[in-house]
Amino acid sequence: MKTFAKAIAAASLSLLAVSPAAAQEEVQASVFFGDLDLDSAAGAQTLNARVLGTVKSMCDRPDVRDLKGNIAWNECRATAMTSAAEQLAAVGVQGPRATVTVGN
């Protein structure tokens, strides 16, 4: 029964980030991965792509000349990736294999 509950919890994760465009507005999105075989390289790559794509859609990149906006954008991305990694670790899944770059 414990394994079943873990499998259900592992089926999706909810990303939380602070949107730089909306000045401290919290945004949330879900990433479903219950259909993936995370023991395979292809499954792990697909999860990684889904998480990165969701983070990209949550955190709009400002104009490169907007220094404060770029700082907020990097914080948004870092917060969302940390949220994803923590949730995946909590259900025993190794998190996305991606590095969030702070700065351009």
Protein backbone atom coordinates (compact mmCIF):
# COMPACT_ATOMS: atom_id res chain seq x y z
CA MET A 1 0.00 0.00 0.00
CA LYS A 2 2.87 2.36 0.81
CA THR A 3 4.39 1.75 -2.65
CA PHE A 4 1.04 2.55 -4.30
CA ALA A 5 0.75 5.86 -2.42
CA LYS A 6 4.32 6.71 -3.39
CA ALA A 7 3.54 5.95 -7.04
CA ILE A 8 0.47 8.17 -6.98
CA ALA A 9 2.42 11.01 -5.36
CA ALA A 10 5.16 10.59 -7.93
CA ALA A 11 2.78 10.92 -10.85
CA SER A 12 2.96 14.70 -10.89
CA LEU A 13 4.66 17.58 -9.21
CA SER A 14 3.60 21.13 -8.70
CA LEU A 15 6.07 23.89 -9.46
CA LEU A 16 5.86 27.09 -7.51
CA ALA A 17 7.69 30.23 -8.55
CA VAL A 18 7.55 33.96 -8.11
CA SER A 19 6.90 35.56 -11.46
CA PRO A 20 9.24 38.49 -12.17
CA ALA A 21 6.80 40.02 -14.63
CA ALA A 22 4.06 40.28 -12.04
CA ALA A 23 6.20 41.73 -9.25
CA GLN A 24 6.14 39.01 -6.60
CA GLU A 25 3.05 37.23 -7.90
CA GLU A 26 3.21 33.52 -7.11
CA VAL A 27 2.47 31.21 -10.00
CA GLN A 28 1.99 27.46 -9.90
CA ALA A 29 2.01 24.77 -12.57
CA SER A 30 1.90 20.98 -12.59
CA VAL A 31 4.19 18.61 -14.45
CA PHE A 32 2.81 15.13 -15.03
CA PHE A 33 5.31 12.30 -15.28
CA GLY A 34 3.35 9.21 -14.33
CA ASP A 35 3.64 8.01 -17.91
CA LEU A 36 7.46 8.02 -17.87
CA ASP A 37 9.93 5.25 -17.08
CA LEU A 38 12.36 7.28 -14.98
CA ASP A 39 14.82 4.38 -14.85
CA SER A 40 15.51 4.90 -18.54
CA ALA A 41 17.60 7.71 -20.01
CA ALA A 42 14.74 8.65 -22.35
CA GLY A 43 12.26 8.92 -19.47
CA ALA A 44 14.63 11.04 -17.40
CA GLN A 45 15.32 13.31 -20.39
CA THR A 46 11.61 13.71 -21.04
CA LEU A 47 10.97 14.63 -17.39
CA ASN A 48 13.83 17.10 -17.54
CA ALA A 49 12.41 18.67 -20.72
CA ARG A 50 8.93 18.92 -19.19
CA VAL A 51 10.23 20.59 -16.03
CA LEU A 52 12.43 23.02 -17.96
CA GLY A 53 9.60 23.84 -20.37
CA THR A 54 7.22 24.50 -17.50
CA VAL A 55 9.77 26.69 -15.73
CA LYS A 56 10.31 28.62 -18.96
CA SER A 57 6.57 29.21 -19.33
CA MET A 58 6.26 30.32 -15.69
CA CYS A 59 9.20 32.72 -15.67
CA ASP A 60 9.01 35.20 -18.52
CA ARG A 61 12.40 36.54 -19.54
CA PRO A 62 12.61 40.34 -19.38
CA ASP A 63 14.50 42.59 -21.75
CA VAL A 64 18.22 42.04 -21.35
CA ARG A 65 18.66 45.72 -20.39
CA ASP A 66 16.33 45.32 -17.40
CA LEU A 67 18.84 44.36 -14.71
CA LYS A 68 16.35 44.10 -11.85
CA GLY A 69 13.99 42.13 -14.06
CA ASN A 70 16.79 39.71 -14.97
CA ILE A 71 17.65 39.18 -11.31
CA ALA A 72 13.99 38.43 -10.58
CA TRP A 73 13.86 36.12 -13.62
CA ASN A 74 16.84 34.13 -12.38
CA GLU A 75 15.29 33.90 -8.91
CA CYS A 76 12.03 32.70 -10.43
CA ARG A 77 13.81 29.95 -12.36
CA ALA A 78 15.89 28.91 -9.36
CA THR A 79 12.83 28.78 -7.09
CA ALA A 80 10.86 26.67 -9.56
CA MET A 81 13.74 24.23 -10.15
CA THR A 82 14.38 23.89 -6.42
CA SER A 83 10.68 23.25 -5.85
CA ALA A 84 10.68 20.52 -8.50
CA ALA A 85 13.84 18.86 -7.18
CA GLU A 86 12.54 18.88 -3.58
CA GLN A 87 9.20 17.36 -4.56
CA LEU A 88 10.85 14.67 -6.67
CA ALA A 89 13.30 13.82 -3.89
CA ALA A 90 10.40 13.57 -1.42
CA VAL A 91 8.86 10.76 -3.46
CA GLY A 92 12.19 9.07 -4.13
CA VAL A 93 12.74 10.25 -7.70
CA GLN A 94 16.07 11.72 -8.70
CA GLY A 95 15.37 15.27 -9.77
CA PRO A 96 15.84 16.92 -13.13
CA ARG A 97 19.39 16.84 -14.36
CA ALA A 98 19.58 20.50 -15.21
CA THR A 99 21.49 23.45 -13.96
CA VAL A 100 19.77 26.77 -13.57
CA THR A 101 22.24 29.43 -14.63
CA VAL A 102 22.17 32.59 -12.57
CA GLY A 103 23.25 35.40 -14.83
CA ASN A 104 23.50 35.54 -18.58
